[in-house]
Amino acid sequence: MSPLEYCKKKAAQSGSSFTFSFFFLPKKQCEAMTALYAFCREVDDVVDECTDYNVAQTKLNWWKSEIINLYTNKPQHPVTKALQPYVAEFNLAQEHFLEIIDGMEMDLKFNRYEDFKQLQLYCYRVASVVGLLSASIFGFKNRKTLKYAHDLGMAFQLTNIIRDVGEDARRGRIYLPLDELKKAKVTEEDVLQSRESAAVKELMEYQIERAETYYDKAMRELPSEDIKQQQPGLMMAAVYRTLLREIKSDGAEKVLNTRTSLGGLHKFWLIFSVWLKPYR
């Protein structure tokens, strides 16, 4: 199995709608994005699958050393071997890969976030940095596109957090800022025990409003000359923003007990609709 085939298999196993948008990319960008996505899956799986903290930390430390290997032309893993041809071509920054691993370490060390400032750092590391790497792969002329990529990554991660509140709670995790729970008069136990209430609904609608703000900000920041190249991100924005609105429509408090999702055909239609849009 070639390094690229390994990455394709890893990406396919995730079942993520993110990979839908890769099919609309030129060959080199598609391969680079597949390798980047596989890297993200590899380090995320360390946290999800390792129950022993020391084992997980050891594996993440190995990945840090493997990123150094990648940037000194000595990659050992199929994912870094697949990434190697594209590091220089797309100007992919070493520190961004290390930041992603730092984000995974936060998942090892924390299962609560005291305030949005702390959560914001986590979101930056696990999502905004991925957005910056993706924007480099897609290509851009105007550096303001990086602001767009940063904020779109924030919007995506906040949407994930909102969607997965109940699922995370069943694993003992609460990503919602604790000071915002306190302000809404929602206790940690309310979340952990999946107690739907008017207070939880208000809390979750506030989280949705914040995510919507990041989507709006990102769309305003994207320079017109880079819209076409950044189309894959816009495809995923259509999917994730629709999901966010479905959550609100279904009853925001229900995220404690149900996981809202869009059907495959619905997601494909949203992606295809963005592809069909004319560019000005």
C-alpha atoms as a PDB file:
ATOM      1  CA  MET A   1       0.000   0.000   0.000  1.00  0.00           C
ATOM      2  CA  SER A   2       1.442   3.370  -1.009  1.00  0.00           C
ATOM      3  CA  PRO A   3       1.493   6.303   1.458  1.00  0.00           C
ATOM      4  CA  LEU A   4      -1.283   8.018  -0.505  1.00  0.00           C
ATOM      5  CA  GLU A   5      -3.419   4.864  -0.542  1.00  0.00           C
ATOM      6  CA  TYR A   6      -2.953   4.621   3.227  1.00  0.00           C
ATOM      7  CA  CYS A   7      -4.166   8.223   3.613  1.00  0.00           C
ATOM      8  CA  LYS A   8      -7.165   7.632   1.355  1.00  0.00           C
ATOM      9  CA  LYS A   9      -8.158   4.617   3.428  1.00  0.00           C
ATOM     10  CA  LYS A  10      -7.737   6.570   6.665  1.00  0.00           C
ATOM     11  CA  ALA A  11      -9.876   9.419   5.327  1.00  0.00           C
ATOM     12  CA  ALA A  12     -12.567   7.055   4.046  1.00  0.00           C
ATOM     13  CA  GLN A  13     -12.791   5.266   7.399  1.00  0.00           C
ATOM     14  CA  SER A  14     -13.710   8.526   9.134  1.00  0.00           C
ATOM     15  CA  GLY A  15     -16.886   8.937   7.082  1.00  0.00           C
ATOM     16  CA  SER A  16     -16.513  12.717   7.353  1.00  0.00           C
ATOM     17  CA  SER A  17     -18.296  15.001   4.915  1.00  0.00           C
ATOM     18  CA  PHE A  18     -15.073  17.048   4.701  1.00  0.00           C
ATOM     19  CA  THR A  19     -13.690  14.541   2.230  1.00  0.00           C
ATOM     20  CA  PHE A  20     -16.620  15.179  -0.170  1.00  0.00           C
ATOM     21  CA  SER A  21     -15.167  18.568  -1.059  1.00  0.00           C
ATOM     22  CA  PHE A  22     -11.766  17.088  -2.000  1.00  0.00           C
ATOM     23  CA  PHE A  23     -13.227  15.590  -5.187  1.00  0.00           C
ATOM     24  CA  PHE A  24     -13.626  19.085  -6.637  1.00  0.00           C
ATOM     25  CA  LEU A  25      -9.906  19.850  -6.261  1.00  0.00           C
ATOM     26  CA  PRO A  26      -7.110  19.460  -8.811  1.00  0.00           C
ATOM     27  CA  LYS A  27      -5.052  16.268  -8.323  1.00  0.00           C
ATOM     28  CA  LYS A  28      -2.172  17.771  -6.323  1.00  0.00           C
ATOM     29  CA  GLN A  29      -4.426  19.706  -3.960  1.00  0.00           C
ATOM     30  CA  CYS A  30      -6.662  16.674  -3.522  1.00  0.00           C
ATOM     31  CA  GLU A  31      -3.696  14.489  -2.569  1.00  0.00           C
ATOM     32  CA  ALA A  32      -2.293  17.122  -0.198  1.00  0.00           C
ATOM     33  CA  MET A  33      -5.660  17.584   1.523  1.00  0.00           C
ATOM     34  CA  THR A  34      -6.123  13.830   1.837  1.00  0.00           C
ATOM     35  CA  ALA A  35      -2.719  13.554   3.524  1.00  0.00           C
ATOM     36  CA  LEU A  36      -3.456  16.524   5.817  1.00  0.00           C
ATOM     37  CA  TYR A  37      -6.808  15.060   6.788  1.00  0.00           C
ATOM     38  CA  ALA A  38      -5.208  11.655   7.465  1.00  0.00           C
ATOM     39  CA  PHE A  39      -2.649  13.348   9.735  1.00  0.00           C
ATOM     40  CA  CYS A  40      -5.450  15.011  11.707  1.00  0.00           C
ATOM     41  CA  ARG A  41      -7.222  11.660  12.048  1.00  0.00           C
ATOM     42  CA  GLU A  42      -4.037   9.929  13.231  1.00  0.00           C
ATOM     43  CA  VAL A  43      -3.339  12.348  16.082  1.00  0.00           C
ATOM     44  CA  ASP A  44      -7.030  12.615  17.010  1.00  0.00           C
ATOM     45  CA  ASP A  45      -7.265   8.820  17.220  1.00  0.00           C
ATOM     46  CA  VAL A  46      -4.443   8.826  19.765  1.00  0.00           C
ATOM     47  CA  VAL A  47      -6.641  10.768  22.181  1.00  0.00           C
ATOM     48  CA  ASP A  48      -9.858   8.911  21.342  1.00  0.00           C
ATOM     49  CA  GLU A  49      -8.429   5.388  21.503  1.00  0.00           C
ATOM     50  CA  CYS A  50      -5.753   5.517  24.249  1.00  0.00           C
ATOM     51  CA  THR A  51      -7.225   5.220  27.733  1.00  0.00           C
ATOM     52  CA  ASP A  52      -3.800   5.427  29.389  1.00  0.00           C
ATOM     53  CA  TYR A  53      -2.592   9.036  29.644  1.00  0.00           C
ATOM     54  CA  ASN A  54       1.105   8.116  29.542  1.00  0.00           C
ATOM     55  CA  VAL A  55       0.693   5.948  26.450  1.00  0.00           C
ATOM     56  CA  ALA A  56      -1.255   8.688  24.668  1.00  0.00           C
ATOM     57  CA  GLN A  57       1.330  11.319  25.612  1.00  0.00           C
ATOM     58  CA  THR A  58       4.144   9.076  24.385  1.00  0.00           C
ATOM     59  CA  LYS A  59       2.383   8.630  21.040  1.00  0.00           C
ATOM     60  CA  LEU A  60       1.814  12.375  20.651  1.00  0.00           C
ATOM     61  CA  ASN A  61       5.479  12.998  21.484  1.00  0.00           C
ATOM     62  CA  TRP A  62       6.363  10.512  18.730  1.00  0.00           C
ATOM     63  CA  TRP A  63       4.226  12.474  16.284  1.00  0.00           C
ATOM     64  CA  LYS A  64       6.049  15.675  17.261  1.00  0.00           C
ATOM     65  CA  SER A  65       9.354  14.022  16.445  1.00  0.00           C
ATOM     66  CA  GLU A  66       7.861  12.689  13.206  1.00  0.00           C
ATOM     67  CA  ILE A  67       6.938  16.237  12.143  1.00  0.00           C
ATOM     68  CA  ILE A  68      10.592  17.172  12.689  1.00  0.00           C
ATOM     69  CA  ASN A  69      11.493  14.166  10.528  1.00  0.00           C
ATOM     70  CA  LEU A  70       9.100  15.437   7.859  1.00  0.00           C
ATOM     71  CA  TYR A  71      10.810  18.829   7.757  1.00  0.00           C
ATOM     72  CA  THR A  72      14.278  17.273   7.641  1.00  0.00           C
ATOM     73  CA  ASN A  73      13.286  14.940   4.781  1.00  0.00           C
ATOM     74  CA  LYS A  74      13.303  11.773   6.928  1.00  0.00           C
ATOM     75  CA  PRO A  75       9.596  10.868   7.289  1.00  0.00           C
ATOM     76  CA  GLN A  76       8.867   7.360   8.546  1.00  0.00           C
ATOM     77  CA  HIS A  77       5.074   7.175   8.678  1.00  0.00           C
ATOM     78  CA  PRO A  78       2.889   6.742   5.549  1.00  0.00           C
ATOM     79  CA  VAL A  79       1.052   9.997   6.355  1.00  0.00           C
ATOM     80  CA  THR A  80       4.195  12.110   6.596  1.00  0.00           C
ATOM     81  CA  LYS A  81       5.602  10.390   3.514  1.00  0.00           C
ATOM     82  CA  ALA A  82       2.419  11.408   1.666  1.00  0.00           C
ATOM     83  CA  LEU A  83       2.733  14.971   2.976  1.00  0.00           C
ATOM     84  CA  GLN A  84       6.411  15.350   2.092  1.00  0.00           C
ATOM     85  CA  PRO A  85       6.015  16.365  -1.596  1.00  0.00           C
ATOM     86  CA  TYR A  86       3.612  19.152  -0.663  1.00  0.00           C
ATOM     87  CA  VAL A  87       5.301  20.823   2.305  1.00  0.00           C
ATOM     88  CA  ALA A  88       7.430  23.120   0.152  1.00  0.00           C
ATOM     89  CA  GLU A  89       5.035  23.330  -2.787  1.00  0.00           C
ATOM     90  CA  PHE A  90       2.188  24.718  -0.674  1.00  0.00           C
ATOM     91  CA  ASN A  91       4.366  26.419   1.957  1.00  0.00           C
ATOM     92  CA  LEU A  92       2.961  24.366   4.838  1.00  0.00           C
ATOM     93  CA  ALA A  93       4.360  25.638   8.135  1.00  0.00           C
ATOM     94  CA  GLN A  94       5.957  23.160  10.541  1.00  0.00           C
ATOM     95  CA  GLU A  95       4.623  25.029  13.563  1.00  0.00           C
ATOM     96  CA  HIS A  96       1.060  24.512  12.346  1.00  0.00           C
ATOM     97  CA  PHE A  97       1.408  20.724  12.476  1.00  0.00           C
ATOM     98  CA  LEU A  98       2.921  21.019  15.959  1.00  0.00           C
ATOM     99  CA  GLU A  99       0.045  23.275  17.047  1.00  0.00           C
ATOM    100  CA  ILE A 100      -2.448  20.601  15.998  1.00  0.00           C
ATOM    101  CA  ILE A 101      -0.653  18.086  18.219  1.00  0.00           C
ATOM    102  CA  ASP A 102      -0.660  20.665  21.049  1.00  0.00           C
ATOM    103  CA  GLY A 103      -4.438  20.829  20.627  1.00  0.00           C
ATOM    104  CA  MET A 104      -4.678  17.063  21.029  1.00  0.00           C
ATOM    105  CA  GLU A 105      -2.575  17.346  24.193  1.00  0.00           C
ATOM    106  CA  MET A 106      -5.163  19.760  25.563  1.00  0.00           C
ATOM    107  CA  ASP A 107      -7.733  16.988  25.152  1.00  0.00           C
ATOM    108  CA  LEU A 108      -5.478  14.748  27.239  1.00  0.00           C
ATOM    109  CA  LYS A 109      -5.023  17.321  29.998  1.00  0.00           C
ATOM    110  CA  PHE A 110      -8.442  18.997  30.173  1.00  0.00           C
ATOM    111  CA  ASN A 111     -12.038  17.799  30.198  1.00  0.00           C
ATOM    112  CA  ARG A 112     -13.367  21.210  31.231  1.00  0.00           C
ATOM    113  CA  TYR A 113     -12.777  24.789  29.987  1.00  0.00           C
ATOM    114  CA  GLU A 114     -13.108  27.610  32.477  1.00  0.00           C
ATOM    115  CA  ASP A 115     -13.952  30.337  29.972  1.00  0.00           C
ATOM    116  CA  PHE A 116     -14.137  31.067  26.266  1.00  0.00           C
ATOM    117  CA  LYS A 117     -10.566  32.374  26.175  1.00  0.00           C
ATOM    118  CA  GLN A 118      -9.289  28.921  27.142  1.00  0.00           C
ATOM    119  CA  LEU A 119     -11.676  27.194  24.733  1.00  0.00           C
ATOM    120  CA  GLN A 120     -10.665  29.597  21.978  1.00  0.00           C
ATOM    121  CA  LEU A 121      -7.036  28.417  22.204  1.00  0.00           C
ATOM    122  CA  TYR A 122      -8.193  24.808  21.876  1.00  0.00           C
ATOM    123  CA  CYS A 123     -10.355  25.654  18.846  1.00  0.00           C
ATOM    124  CA  TYR A 124      -7.480  27.548  17.254  1.00  0.00           C
ATOM    125  CA  ARG A 125      -5.139  24.601  17.602  1.00  0.00           C
ATOM    126  CA  VAL A 126      -7.445  21.820  16.441  1.00  0.00           C
ATOM    127  CA  ALA A 127      -9.422  23.718  13.785  1.00  0.00           C
ATOM    128  CA  SER A 128      -8.207  27.198  12.837  1.00  0.00           C
ATOM    129  CA  VAL A 129      -4.688  25.904  12.197  1.00  0.00           C
ATOM    130  CA  VAL A 130      -6.140  23.188   9.956  1.00  0.00           C
ATOM    131  CA  GLY A 131      -7.996  25.980   8.156  1.00  0.00           C
ATOM    132  CA  LEU A 132      -4.748  27.888   7.623  1.00  0.00           C
ATOM    133  CA  LEU A 133      -3.004  24.812   6.209  1.00  0.00           C
ATOM    134  CA  SER A 134      -6.002  24.084   3.979  1.00  0.00           C
ATOM    135  CA  ALA A 135      -6.095  27.664   2.681  1.00  0.00           C
ATOM    136  CA  SER A 136      -2.435  27.328   1.706  1.00  0.00           C
ATOM    137  CA  ILE A 137      -3.173  24.113  -0.177  1.00  0.00           C
ATOM    138  CA  PHE A 138      -6.203  25.601  -1.962  1.00  0.00           C
ATOM    139  CA  GLY A 139      -4.174  28.700  -2.868  1.00  0.00           C
ATOM    140  CA  PHE A 140      -4.729  32.415  -2.324  1.00  0.00           C
ATOM    141  CA  LYS A 141      -3.564  35.769  -3.643  1.00  0.00           C
ATOM    142  CA  ASN A 142      -4.641  38.000  -0.770  1.00  0.00           C
ATOM    143  CA  ARG A 143      -3.301  37.365   2.740  1.00  0.00           C
ATOM    144  CA  LYS A 144      -6.657  38.450   4.186  1.00  0.00           C
ATOM    145  CA  THR A 145      -7.790  34.982   3.144  1.00  0.00           C
ATOM    146  CA  LEU A 146      -5.859  33.650   6.139  1.00  0.00           C
ATOM    147  CA  LYS A 147      -8.145  35.631   8.475  1.00  0.00           C
ATOM    148  CA  TYR A 148     -11.102  34.020   6.736  1.00  0.00           C
ATOM    149  CA  ALA A 149      -9.550  30.551   7.152  1.00  0.00           C
ATOM    150  CA  HIS A 150      -8.857  31.168  10.846  1.00  0.00           C
ATOM    151  CA  ASP A 151     -12.412  32.264  11.618  1.00  0.00           C
ATOM    152  CA  LEU A 152     -14.038  29.584   9.476  1.00  0.00           C
ATOM    153  CA  GLY A 153     -12.045  26.991  11.419  1.00  0.00           C
ATOM    154  CA  MET A 154     -13.368  28.495  14.656  1.00  0.00           C
ATOM    155  CA  ALA A 155     -16.926  28.310  13.320  1.00  0.00           C
ATOM    156  CA  PHE A 156     -16.485  24.658  12.336  1.00  0.00           C
ATOM    157  CA  GLN A 157     -15.098  23.633  15.722  1.00  0.00           C
ATOM    158  CA  LEU A 158     -17.784  25.507  17.652  1.00  0.00           C
ATOM    159  CA  THR A 159     -20.385  23.740  15.502  1.00  0.00           C
ATOM    160  CA  ASN A 160     -18.777  20.389  16.344  1.00  0.00           C
ATOM    161  CA  ILE A 161     -18.833  21.231  20.055  1.00  0.00           C
ATOM    162  CA  ILE A 162     -22.513  22.214  19.912  1.00  0.00           C
ATOM    163  CA  ARG A 163     -23.479  19.087  17.957  1.00  0.00           C
ATOM    164  CA  ASP A 164     -21.547  16.763  20.281  1.00  0.00           C
ATOM    165  CA  VAL A 165     -22.511  18.191  23.685  1.00  0.00           C
ATOM    166  CA  GLY A 166     -24.425  15.080  24.736  1.00  0.00           C
ATOM    167  CA  GLU A 167     -21.905  12.633  23.302  1.00  0.00           C
ATOM    168  CA  ASP A 168     -19.007  14.435  24.987  1.00  0.00           C
ATOM    169  CA  ALA A 169     -20.890  14.574  28.302  1.00  0.00           C
ATOM    170  CA  ARG A 170     -21.310  10.797  28.234  1.00  0.00           C
ATOM    171  CA  ARG A 171     -17.522  10.602  28.042  1.00  0.00           C
ATOM    172  CA  GLY A 172     -17.213  12.968  31.015  1.00  0.00           C
ATOM    173  CA  ARG A 173     -16.254  15.972  28.887  1.00  0.00           C
ATOM    174  CA  ILE A 174     -17.769  19.460  28.853  1.00  0.00           C
ATOM    175  CA  TYR A 175     -16.417  21.853  26.229  1.00  0.00           C
ATOM    176  CA  LEU A 176     -18.944  24.603  26.983  1.00  0.00           C
ATOM    177  CA  PRO A 177     -17.196  27.329  29.023  1.00  0.00           C
ATOM    178  CA  LEU A 178     -17.958  26.794  32.720  1.00  0.00           C
ATOM    179  CA  ASP A 179     -18.411  30.505  33.419  1.00  0.00           C
ATOM    180  CA  GLU A 180     -21.144  30.574  30.764  1.00  0.00           C
ATOM    181  CA  LEU A 181     -22.872  27.577  32.360  1.00  0.00           C
ATOM    182  CA  LYS A 182     -22.841  29.427  35.670  1.00  0.00           C
ATOM    183  CA  LYS A 183     -24.238  32.582  34.091  1.00  0.00           C
ATOM    184  CA  ALA A 184     -27.062  30.581  32.470  1.00  0.00           C
ATOM    185  CA  LYS A 185     -27.755  28.798  35.806  1.00  0.00           C
ATOM    186  CA  VAL A 186     -26.913  25.431  34.272  1.00  0.00           C
ATOM    187  CA  THR A 187     -24.822  23.056  36.385  1.00  0.00           C
ATOM    188  CA  GLU A 188     -22.190  20.614  35.180  1.00  0.00           C
ATOM    189  CA  GLU A 189     -24.463  17.848  36.479  1.00  0.00           C
ATOM    190  CA  ASP A 190     -27.307  19.140  34.295  1.00  0.00           C
ATOM    191  CA  VAL A 191     -25.088  18.588  31.259  1.00  0.00           C
ATOM    192  CA  LEU A 192     -23.642  15.275  32.414  1.00  0.00           C
ATOM    193  CA  GLN A 193     -27.114  13.926  33.243  1.00  0.00           C
ATOM    194  CA  SER A 194     -28.633  15.263  29.981  1.00  0.00           C
ATOM    195  CA  ARG A 195     -31.292  17.387  31.699  1.00  0.00           C
ATOM    196  CA  GLU A 196     -33.100  19.416  29.059  1.00  0.00           C
ATOM    197  CA  SER A 197     -34.504  22.728  30.295  1.00  0.00           C
ATOM    198  CA  ALA A 198     -35.270  26.300  29.289  1.00  0.00           C
ATOM    199  CA  ALA A 199     -31.933  27.337  30.814  1.00  0.00           C
ATOM    200  CA  VAL A 200     -30.046  24.763  28.720  1.00  0.00           C
ATOM    201  CA  LYS A 201     -31.903  25.917  25.614  1.00  0.00           C
ATOM    202  CA  GLU A 202     -30.874  29.523  26.288  1.00  0.00           C
ATOM    203  CA  LEU A 203     -27.272  28.437  26.896  1.00  0.00           C
ATOM    204  CA  MET A 204     -27.109  26.448  23.669  1.00  0.00           C
ATOM    205  CA  GLU A 205     -28.748  29.189  21.611  1.00  0.00           C
ATOM    206  CA  TYR A 206     -26.029  31.523  22.888  1.00  0.00           C
ATOM    207  CA  GLN A 207     -23.386  29.051  21.697  1.00  0.00           C
ATOM    208  CA  ILE A 208     -25.110  28.840  18.298  1.00  0.00           C
ATOM    209  CA  GLU A 209     -25.198  32.629  18.022  1.00  0.00           C
ATOM    210  CA  ARG A 210     -21.460  32.792  18.707  1.00  0.00           C
ATOM    211  CA  ALA A 211     -20.740  30.199  15.999  1.00  0.00           C
ATOM    212  CA  GLU A 212     -22.956  32.112  13.538  1.00  0.00           C
ATOM    213  CA  THR A 213     -20.940  35.237  14.319  1.00  0.00           C
ATOM    214  CA  TYR A 214     -17.752  33.443  13.274  1.00  0.00           C
ATOM    215  CA  TYR A 215     -19.359  32.254  10.017  1.00  0.00           C
ATOM    216  CA  ASP A 216     -20.476  35.830   9.263  1.00  0.00           C
ATOM    217  CA  LYS A 217     -17.037  37.210  10.091  1.00  0.00           C
ATOM    218  CA  ALA A 218     -15.285  34.629   7.893  1.00  0.00           C
ATOM    219  CA  MET A 219     -17.537  35.343   4.912  1.00  0.00           C
ATOM    220  CA  ARG A 220     -16.897  39.090   5.211  1.00  0.00           C
ATOM    221  CA  GLU A 221     -13.139  38.526   5.353  1.00  0.00           C
ATOM    222  CA  LEU A 222     -12.794  36.338   2.247  1.00  0.00           C
ATOM    223  CA  PRO A 223     -11.418  38.530  -0.574  1.00  0.00           C
ATOM    224  CA  SER A 224     -13.376  38.233  -3.818  1.00  0.00           C
ATOM    225  CA  GLU A 225     -10.264  37.294  -5.807  1.00  0.00           C
ATOM    226  CA  ASP A 226      -9.789  34.148  -3.696  1.00  0.00           C
ATOM    227  CA  ILE A 227     -13.377  32.882  -3.642  1.00  0.00           C
ATOM    228  CA  LYS A 228     -12.912  30.359  -6.427  1.00  0.00           C
ATOM    229  CA  GLN A 229      -9.751  28.802  -5.004  1.00  0.00           C
ATOM    230  CA  GLN A 230     -11.223  28.642  -1.508  1.00  0.00           C
ATOM    231  CA  GLN A 231     -14.364  26.921  -2.792  1.00  0.00           C
ATOM    232  CA  PRO A 232     -13.837  23.663  -0.812  1.00  0.00           C
ATOM    233  CA  GLY A 233     -13.982  25.597   2.469  1.00  0.00           C
ATOM    234  CA  LEU A 234     -17.147  27.330   1.314  1.00  0.00           C
ATOM    235  CA  MET A 235     -18.645  23.929   0.510  1.00  0.00           C
ATOM    236  CA  MET A 236     -18.050  22.761   4.050  1.00  0.00           C
ATOM    237  CA  ALA A 237     -19.332  26.060   5.429  1.00  0.00           C
ATOM    238  CA  ALA A 238     -22.625  25.395   3.638  1.00  0.00           C
ATOM    239  CA  VAL A 239     -22.836  21.941   5.233  1.00  0.00           C
ATOM    240  CA  TYR A 240     -21.820  22.951   8.744  1.00  0.00           C
ATOM    241  CA  ARG A 241     -23.895  26.116   8.857  1.00  0.00           C
ATOM    242  CA  THR A 242     -26.968  24.192   7.684  1.00  0.00           C
ATOM    243  CA  LEU A 243     -26.284  21.648  10.439  1.00  0.00           C
ATOM    244  CA  LEU A 244     -26.046  24.449  13.008  1.00  0.00           C
ATOM    245  CA  ARG A 245     -29.382  25.856  11.922  1.00  0.00           C
ATOM    246  CA  GLU A 246     -30.966  22.385  12.001  1.00  0.00           C
ATOM    247  CA  ILE A 247     -29.839  22.035  15.623  1.00  0.00           C
ATOM    248  CA  LYS A 248     -31.507  25.317  16.528  1.00  0.00           C
ATOM    249  CA  SER A 249     -34.657  24.427  14.588  1.00  0.00           C
ATOM    250  CA  ASP A 250     -34.910  21.014  16.272  1.00  0.00           C
ATOM    251  CA  GLY A 251     -34.583  22.600  19.727  1.00  0.00           C
ATOM    252  CA  ALA A 252     -31.099  23.572  20.862  1.00  0.00           C
ATOM    253  CA  GLU A 253     -31.530  21.897  24.257  1.00  0.00           C
ATOM    254  CA  LYS A 254     -32.018  18.523  22.554  1.00  0.00           C
ATOM    255  CA  VAL A 255     -28.293  18.233  21.792  1.00  0.00           C
ATOM    256  CA  LEU A 256     -27.980  16.720  25.264  1.00  0.00           C
ATOM    257  CA  ASN A 257     -29.845  13.617  24.127  1.00  0.00           C
ATOM    258  CA  THR A 258     -29.705  13.539  20.328  1.00  0.00           C
ATOM    259  CA  ARG A 259     -26.992  14.082  17.755  1.00  0.00           C
ATOM    260  CA  THR A 260     -28.305  16.070  14.810  1.00  0.00           C
ATOM    261  CA  SER A 261     -26.867  15.093  11.440  1.00  0.00           C
ATOM    262  CA  LEU A 262     -27.547  15.752   7.772  1.00  0.00           C
ATOM    263  CA  GLY A 263     -28.146  12.923   5.321  1.00  0.00           C
ATOM    264  CA  GLY A 264     -25.505  12.135   2.719  1.00  0.00           C
ATOM    265  CA  LEU A 265     -27.669  13.313  -0.176  1.00  0.00           C
ATOM    266  CA  HIS A 266     -28.454  16.575   1.639  1.00  0.00           C
ATOM    267  CA  LYS A 267     -24.746  17.232   2.258  1.00  0.00           C
ATOM    268  CA  PHE A 268     -23.841  16.373  -1.310  1.00  0.00           C
ATOM    269  CA  TRP A 269     -26.529  18.743  -2.622  1.00  0.00           C
ATOM    270  CA  LEU A 270     -25.238  21.580  -0.431  1.00  0.00           C
ATOM    271  CA  ILE A 271     -21.686  20.972  -1.670  1.00  0.00           C
ATOM    272  CA  PHE A 272     -22.777  20.688  -5.289  1.00  0.00           C
ATOM    273  CA  SER A 273     -24.839  23.882  -4.962  1.00  0.00           C
ATOM    274  CA  VAL A 274     -21.731  25.820  -3.925  1.00  0.00           C
ATOM    275  CA  TRP A 275     -19.823  24.320  -6.866  1.00  0.00           C
ATOM    276  CA  LEU A 276     -22.570  25.497  -9.233  1.00  0.00           C
ATOM    277  CA  LYS A 277     -22.451  29.094  -8.028  1.00  0.00           C
ATOM    278  CA  PRO A 278     -21.081  31.557 -10.600  1.00  0.00           C
ATOM    279  CA  TYR A 279     -18.066  33.653  -9.637  1.00  0.00           C
ATOM    280  CA  ARG A 280     -18.004  37.375 -10.157  1.00  0.00           C
END
